[in-house]
């Protein structure tokens, strides 16, 4: 402990803190083996010490107390970084990202408007084949028409839906049954 604080009990122990920074920095460099990381570690340790000075017991070894804070801060950070993935190019984070929910709501609103513009027969066949997963044979039987008619209606319905949604060649709004489930529900069209 600094002589001033030892001989003068009224002296603020915080005044002694600055005298230990070079030793803290040397210790941090030995732990991190990286000067910028060591400087960050020292700064964090000093902030923790400053905010917890009420726990420091006057008359004890401040340097040891500061070294303990720095050491604990270092090992806490190490434990935390073991669970982190190094991703300097953002590739891993990009793979974990999720499209915003509002994009899905906007797409669903567009789909719903376009779906509502289809004829009753077109909505019916898309709900049976697309949303509920029935075969063309099963859909034809339920609609009371030939299999070829069901296939033709489904093809024309998809083409019209793509036109209404202004989809490019190769884009397929009907690739996911969830699109139909959201609009039609599992039991059939809600507004047909």
Foldseek 3Di string as FASTA:
>chain_A
DDPVCVVDVVDDCVVVVVVLLVVQLVVLCVVPVDNVRSVVLLVVLVVVCVVVVVPDDRPDDVNVVSNVSSVVSSVVVVVVCVPPDDDPPCPVVVVVDDPDVVVVVVVLVLLLVQLVPDDPLLQQLCCVCQQQPDDLVVSCVVVVHDSVVSVVSPVVSQVSSCVSSVPDPPDGPSPDSVSVCVQQNNPGHPPD
